[in-house]
Amino acid sequence: MAWGQFVELYTPLVYAFCRKRGLAEHDASDVSQEVMQAISRAIGNFDYDPEKGSFRSWFYTVVRSKLNNFFRKQAQQPAAGGTTIMKMVSEQPDSNEEHDWELDYKRQMFDWAATKVRDLFNEQTWTAFQKTAIDGEDPATVGTELGIGRGAVYAAKARVIRALRERVQSVAGEWDLNVV
């Protein structure tokens, strides 16, 4: 994957993760930039080994490390309203954080892939996919609304899912598109 595509895909994920942890916009941007710089320096040495874990776990570790560095640097400085950054750190989510990261990662991958493949499909195909796969509507009902058979709805959904899966796997091969 080209670096520009990597930045386009992953920077919003890092930024949102930081904002959810209470960072102001400019701080979240700074941490996101530090993460991208660290990844840029380290990616050449990254050797994917499924035995050691996934890329997304390694990426999460880098993000968490940079976020912790930010909190440590800010620990001595009073925050607005008389509270300290250390108080903010102590209020950070615990064991659910990694789970949240996984969900956010998958959502970001889906959103990114959807913007890339959307124009490959006509409106009817995309609508059939969206109403059944995302909105959870009944395929027979969707087919009636769109003036196509239930089988055509299933086929449309399958074509879009296949395109999404291929796009995601082109940048993150081990990811399972099970959110669709």
C-alpha atoms as a PDB file:
ATOM      1  CA  MET A   1       0.000   0.000   0.000  1.00  0.00           C
ATOM      2  CA  ALA A   2       1.293   3.469  -0.832  1.00  0.00           C
ATOM      3  CA  TRP A   3       2.080   5.769   2.076  1.00  0.00           C
ATOM      4  CA  GLY A   4      -0.551   8.335   1.018  1.00  0.00           C
ATOM      5  CA  GLN A   5      -3.218   5.647   1.040  1.00  0.00           C
ATOM      6  CA  PHE A   6      -1.996   4.437   4.434  1.00  0.00           C
ATOM      7  CA  VAL A   7      -2.246   7.953   5.888  1.00  0.00           C
ATOM      8  CA  GLU A   8      -5.692   8.473   4.328  1.00  0.00           C
ATOM      9  CA  LEU A   9      -6.938   5.222   5.825  1.00  0.00           C
ATOM     10  CA  TYR A  10      -5.403   5.226   9.287  1.00  0.00           C
ATOM     11  CA  THR A  11      -5.036   8.868  10.387  1.00  0.00           C
ATOM     12  CA  PRO A  12      -8.804   9.318  10.971  1.00  0.00           C
ATOM     13  CA  LEU A  13      -8.783   6.154  13.088  1.00  0.00           C
ATOM     14  CA  VAL A  14      -5.943   7.414  15.292  1.00  0.00           C
ATOM     15  CA  TYR A  15      -7.456  10.886  15.553  1.00  0.00           C
ATOM     16  CA  ALA A  16     -10.878   9.540  16.599  1.00  0.00           C
ATOM     17  CA  PHE A  17      -9.256   7.188  19.119  1.00  0.00           C
ATOM     18  CA  CYS A  18      -7.418  10.120  20.701  1.00  0.00           C
ATOM     19  CA  ARG A  19     -10.533  12.304  20.776  1.00  0.00           C
ATOM     20  CA  LYS A  20     -12.473   9.516  22.516  1.00  0.00           C
ATOM     21  CA  ARG A  21      -9.777   9.548  25.167  1.00  0.00           C
ATOM     22  CA  GLY A  22     -10.410  13.211  25.908  1.00  0.00           C
ATOM     23  CA  LEU A  23      -7.750  14.951  23.832  1.00  0.00           C
ATOM     24  CA  ALA A  24      -8.532  18.344  22.365  1.00  0.00           C
ATOM     25  CA  GLU A  25      -8.604  18.592  18.581  1.00  0.00           C
ATOM     26  CA  HIS A  26      -5.101  20.031  18.288  1.00  0.00           C
ATOM     27  CA  ASP A  27      -3.657  17.485  20.732  1.00  0.00           C
ATOM     28  CA  ALA A  28      -5.353  14.614  18.897  1.00  0.00           C
ATOM     29  CA  SER A  29      -3.899  15.950  15.628  1.00  0.00           C
ATOM     30  CA  ASP A  30      -0.433  16.166  17.175  1.00  0.00           C
ATOM     31  CA  VAL A  31      -0.579  12.631  18.563  1.00  0.00           C
ATOM     32  CA  SER A  32      -1.930  11.349  15.241  1.00  0.00           C
ATOM     33  CA  GLN A  33       0.995  12.957  13.453  1.00  0.00           C
ATOM     34  CA  GLU A  34       3.468  11.439  15.946  1.00  0.00           C
ATOM     35  CA  VAL A  35       1.902   8.013  15.380  1.00  0.00           C
ATOM     36  CA  MET A  36       2.190   8.353  11.606  1.00  0.00           C
ATOM     37  CA  GLN A  37       5.826   9.436  11.948  1.00  0.00           C
ATOM     38  CA  ALA A  38       6.602   6.478  14.204  1.00  0.00           C
ATOM     39  CA  ILE A  39       4.848   4.074  11.836  1.00  0.00           C
ATOM     40  CA  SER A  40       6.716   5.601   8.891  1.00  0.00           C
ATOM     41  CA  ARG A  41      10.034   4.948  10.597  1.00  0.00           C
ATOM     42  CA  ALA A  42       9.109   1.440  11.756  1.00  0.00           C
ATOM     43  CA  ILE A  43       7.069   0.058   8.863  1.00  0.00           C
ATOM     44  CA  GLY A  44      10.151  -0.943   6.890  1.00  0.00           C
ATOM     45  CA  ASN A  45      11.156  -3.256   9.726  1.00  0.00           C
ATOM     46  CA  PHE A  46       7.654  -4.630  10.307  1.00  0.00           C
ATOM     47  CA  ASP A  47       7.664  -8.304   9.458  1.00  0.00           C
ATOM     48  CA  TYR A  48       4.152  -9.719   9.569  1.00  0.00           C
ATOM     49  CA  ASP A  49       4.127 -12.938  11.533  1.00  0.00           C
ATOM     50  CA  PRO A  50       0.668 -14.266  12.471  1.00  0.00           C
ATOM     51  CA  GLU A  51       2.266 -16.103  15.400  1.00  0.00           C
ATOM     52  CA  LYS A  52       3.256 -12.752  16.935  1.00  0.00           C
ATOM     53  CA  GLY A  53      -0.078 -11.050  16.301  1.00  0.00           C
ATOM     54  CA  SER A  54      -1.821  -8.951  13.705  1.00  0.00           C
ATOM     55  CA  PHE A  55      -0.784  -5.694  12.096  1.00  0.00           C
ATOM     56  CA  ARG A  56      -3.690  -3.981  13.794  1.00  0.00           C
ATOM     57  CA  SER A  57      -2.461  -5.151  17.224  1.00  0.00           C
ATOM     58  CA  TRP A  58       0.998  -3.791  16.495  1.00  0.00           C
ATOM     59  CA  PHE A  59      -0.546  -0.562  15.221  1.00  0.00           C
ATOM     60  CA  TYR A  60      -2.661  -0.284  18.379  1.00  0.00           C
ATOM     61  CA  THR A  61       0.481  -0.715  20.480  1.00  0.00           C
ATOM     62  CA  VAL A  62       2.147   2.173  18.656  1.00  0.00           C
ATOM     63  CA  VAL A  63      -0.939   4.372  19.088  1.00  0.00           C
ATOM     64  CA  ARG A  64      -1.264   3.520  22.762  1.00  0.00           C
ATOM     65  CA  SER A  65       2.434   4.198  23.316  1.00  0.00           C
ATOM     66  CA  LYS A  66       2.245   7.652  21.730  1.00  0.00           C
ATOM     67  CA  LEU A  67      -0.916   8.437  23.663  1.00  0.00           C
ATOM     68  CA  ASN A  68       0.746   7.389  26.919  1.00  0.00           C
ATOM     69  CA  ASN A  69       3.757   9.565  26.036  1.00  0.00           C
ATOM     70  CA  PHE A  70       1.412  12.502  25.545  1.00  0.00           C
ATOM     71  CA  PHE A  71      -0.208  11.965  28.935  1.00  0.00           C
ATOM     72  CA  ARG A  72       3.178  11.602  30.640  1.00  0.00           C
ATOM     73  CA  LYS A  73       4.441  14.851  29.091  1.00  0.00           C
ATOM     74  CA  GLN A  74       1.300  16.667  30.154  1.00  0.00           C
ATOM     75  CA  ALA A  75       1.184  15.192  33.668  1.00  0.00           C
ATOM     76  CA  GLN A  76       3.056  18.084  35.232  1.00  0.00           C
ATOM     77  CA  GLN A  77       0.938  20.762  33.595  1.00  0.00           C
ATOM     78  CA  PRO A  78      -2.392  21.847  35.049  1.00  0.00           C
ATOM     79  CA  ALA A  79      -5.316  21.399  32.702  1.00  0.00           C
ATOM     80  CA  ALA A  80      -8.178  23.831  32.250  1.00  0.00           C
ATOM     81  CA  GLY A  81     -10.570  24.021  35.165  1.00  0.00           C
ATOM     82  CA  GLY A  82      -7.939  23.203  37.769  1.00  0.00           C
ATOM     83  CA  THR A  83      -7.787  19.472  37.047  1.00  0.00           C
ATOM     84  CA  THR A  84      -4.641  17.705  35.970  1.00  0.00           C
ATOM     85  CA  ILE A  85      -3.884  15.531  33.014  1.00  0.00           C
ATOM     86  CA  MET A  86      -3.118  12.749  35.488  1.00  0.00           C
ATOM     87  CA  LYS A  87      -6.761  12.834  36.530  1.00  0.00           C
ATOM     88  CA  MET A  88      -7.714  12.473  32.866  1.00  0.00           C
ATOM     89  CA  VAL A  89      -5.329   9.521  32.541  1.00  0.00           C
ATOM     90  CA  SER A  90      -6.844   7.816  35.575  1.00  0.00           C
ATOM     91  CA  GLU A  91     -10.272   8.183  33.988  1.00  0.00           C
ATOM     92  CA  GLN A  92      -9.189   6.448  30.783  1.00  0.00           C
ATOM     93  CA  PRO A  93     -11.085   3.301  29.843  1.00  0.00           C
ATOM     94  CA  ASP A  94      -9.384   0.064  30.849  1.00  0.00           C
ATOM     95  CA  SER A  95      -9.921  -3.365  29.356  1.00  0.00           C
ATOM     96  CA  ASN A  96     -12.588  -2.226  26.914  1.00  0.00           C
ATOM     97  CA  GLU A  97     -10.137   0.086  25.184  1.00  0.00           C
ATOM     98  CA  GLU A  98      -8.570  -2.595  23.000  1.00  0.00           C
ATOM     99  CA  HIS A  99     -12.023  -3.926  22.114  1.00  0.00           C
ATOM    100  CA  ASP A 100     -13.088  -0.378  21.161  1.00  0.00           C
ATOM    101  CA  TRP A 101      -9.944  -0.076  19.043  1.00  0.00           C
ATOM    102  CA  GLU A 102     -10.849  -3.278  17.177  1.00  0.00           C
ATOM    103  CA  LEU A 103     -14.374  -2.043  16.470  1.00  0.00           C
ATOM    104  CA  ASP A 104     -13.170   1.406  15.418  1.00  0.00           C
ATOM    105  CA  TYR A 105     -10.554  -0.201  13.189  1.00  0.00           C
ATOM    106  CA  LYS A 106     -13.148  -2.336  11.436  1.00  0.00           C
ATOM    107  CA  ARG A 107     -15.535   0.593  11.056  1.00  0.00           C
ATOM    108  CA  GLN A 108     -12.797   2.765   9.593  1.00  0.00           C
ATOM    109  CA  MET A 109     -11.814   0.019   7.174  1.00  0.00           C
ATOM    110  CA  PHE A 110     -15.432  -0.433   6.123  1.00  0.00           C
ATOM    111  CA  ASP A 111     -16.062   3.308   5.717  1.00  0.00           C
ATOM    112  CA  TRP A 112     -12.860   3.741   3.718  1.00  0.00           C
ATOM    113  CA  ALA A 113     -13.574   0.750   1.476  1.00  0.00           C
ATOM    114  CA  ALA A 114     -17.175   1.865   0.944  1.00  0.00           C
ATOM    115  CA  THR A 115     -16.026   5.250  -0.348  1.00  0.00           C
ATOM    116  CA  LYS A 116     -13.621   3.493  -2.712  1.00  0.00           C
ATOM    117  CA  VAL A 117     -16.079   0.974  -4.180  1.00  0.00           C
ATOM    118  CA  ARG A 118     -19.329   2.955  -4.092  1.00  0.00           C
ATOM    119  CA  ASP A 119     -18.958   4.276  -7.639  1.00  0.00           C
ATOM    120  CA  LEU A 120     -18.501   0.754  -9.010  1.00  0.00           C
ATOM    121  CA  PHE A 121     -22.203   0.015  -8.506  1.00  0.00           C
ATOM    122  CA  ASN A 122     -25.437   1.456  -9.782  1.00  0.00           C
ATOM    123  CA  GLU A 123     -27.848   3.021  -7.320  1.00  0.00           C
ATOM    124  CA  GLN A 124     -30.163  -0.009  -7.200  1.00  0.00           C
ATOM    125  CA  THR A 125     -27.337  -2.429  -6.365  1.00  0.00           C
ATOM    126  CA  TRP A 126     -25.910  -0.147  -3.679  1.00  0.00           C
ATOM    127  CA  THR A 127     -29.339   0.469  -2.164  1.00  0.00           C
ATOM    128  CA  ALA A 128     -30.074  -3.271  -2.044  1.00  0.00           C
ATOM    129  CA  PHE A 129     -26.752  -3.808  -0.264  1.00  0.00           C
ATOM    130  CA  GLN A 130     -27.223  -0.927   2.161  1.00  0.00           C
ATOM    131  CA  LYS A 131     -30.795  -1.784   3.097  1.00  0.00           C
ATOM    132  CA  THR A 132     -30.068  -5.462   3.712  1.00  0.00           C
ATOM    133  CA  ALA A 133     -26.459  -5.566   4.947  1.00  0.00           C
ATOM    134  CA  ILE A 134     -26.323  -2.322   6.905  1.00  0.00           C
ATOM    135  CA  ASP A 135     -29.908  -1.460   7.784  1.00  0.00           C
ATOM    136  CA  GLY A 136     -30.947  -5.089   8.321  1.00  0.00           C
ATOM    137  CA  GLU A 137     -34.071  -4.878   6.216  1.00  0.00           C
ATOM    138  CA  ASP A 138     -35.777  -7.977   4.824  1.00  0.00           C
ATOM    139  CA  PRO A 139     -34.511  -8.847   1.302  1.00  0.00           C
ATOM    140  CA  ALA A 140     -38.019  -9.598   0.014  1.00  0.00           C
ATOM    141  CA  THR A 141     -39.261  -6.191   1.196  1.00  0.00           C
ATOM    142  CA  VAL A 142     -36.228  -4.449  -0.298  1.00  0.00           C
ATOM    143  CA  GLY A 143     -36.757  -6.298  -3.567  1.00  0.00           C
ATOM    144  CA  THR A 144     -40.379  -5.160  -3.711  1.00  0.00           C
ATOM    145  CA  GLU A 145     -39.343  -1.541  -3.000  1.00  0.00           C
ATOM    146  CA  LEU A 146     -36.696  -1.659  -5.726  1.00  0.00           C
ATOM    147  CA  GLY A 147     -38.780  -3.612  -8.222  1.00  0.00           C
ATOM    148  CA  ILE A 148     -36.432  -6.605  -8.317  1.00  0.00           C
ATOM    149  CA  GLY A 149     -36.622 -10.158  -7.055  1.00  0.00           C
ATOM    150  CA  ARG A 150     -35.309 -11.341  -3.731  1.00  0.00           C
ATOM    151  CA  GLY A 151     -32.562 -13.309  -5.504  1.00  0.00           C
ATOM    152  CA  ALA A 152     -31.375 -10.115  -7.220  1.00  0.00           C
ATOM    153  CA  VAL A 153     -31.200  -8.423  -3.830  1.00  0.00           C
ATOM    154  CA  TYR A 154     -29.030 -11.240  -2.457  1.00  0.00           C
ATOM    155  CA  ALA A 155     -26.832 -11.089  -5.569  1.00  0.00           C
ATOM    156  CA  ALA A 156     -26.419  -7.319  -5.258  1.00  0.00           C
ATOM    157  CA  LYS A 157     -25.492  -7.634  -1.605  1.00  0.00           C
ATOM    158  CA  ALA A 158     -22.972 -10.364  -2.387  1.00  0.00           C
ATOM    159  CA  ARG A 159     -21.328  -8.344  -5.192  1.00  0.00           C
ATOM    160  CA  VAL A 160     -20.873  -5.290  -2.982  1.00  0.00           C
ATOM    161  CA  ILE A 161     -19.568  -7.351  -0.057  1.00  0.00           C
ATOM    162  CA  ARG A 162     -17.093  -9.075  -2.371  1.00  0.00           C
ATOM    163  CA  ALA A 163     -15.828  -5.698  -3.648  1.00  0.00           C
ATOM    164  CA  LEU A 164     -15.548  -4.340  -0.095  1.00  0.00           C
ATOM    165  CA  ARG A 165     -13.706  -7.440   1.058  1.00  0.00           C
ATOM    166  CA  GLU A 166     -11.270  -7.272  -1.860  1.00  0.00           C
ATOM    167  CA  ARG A 167     -10.575  -3.580  -1.232  1.00  0.00           C
ATOM    168  CA  VAL A 168      -9.992  -4.131   2.474  1.00  0.00           C
ATOM    169  CA  GLN A 169      -7.812  -7.178   1.888  1.00  0.00           C
ATOM    170  CA  SER A 170      -5.709  -5.187  -0.553  1.00  0.00           C
ATOM    171  CA  VAL A 171      -4.582  -2.989   2.344  1.00  0.00           C
ATOM    172  CA  ALA A 172      -5.022  -5.227   5.377  1.00  0.00           C
ATOM    173  CA  GLY A 173      -5.097  -8.814   4.153  1.00  0.00           C
ATOM    174  CA  GLU A 174      -5.772 -10.460   7.479  1.00  0.00           C
ATOM    175  CA  TRP A 175      -8.869  -8.436   8.306  1.00  0.00           C
ATOM    176  CA  ASP A 176     -12.197 -10.213   8.243  1.00  0.00           C
ATOM    177  CA  LEU A 177     -15.047  -8.114   6.898  1.00  0.00           C
ATOM    178  CA  ASN A 178     -17.563  -9.697   9.253  1.00  0.00           C
ATOM    179  CA  VAL A 179     -19.187  -6.386  10.168  1.00  0.00           C
ATOM    180  CA  VAL A 180     -21.124  -6.392   6.898  1.00  0.00           C
END
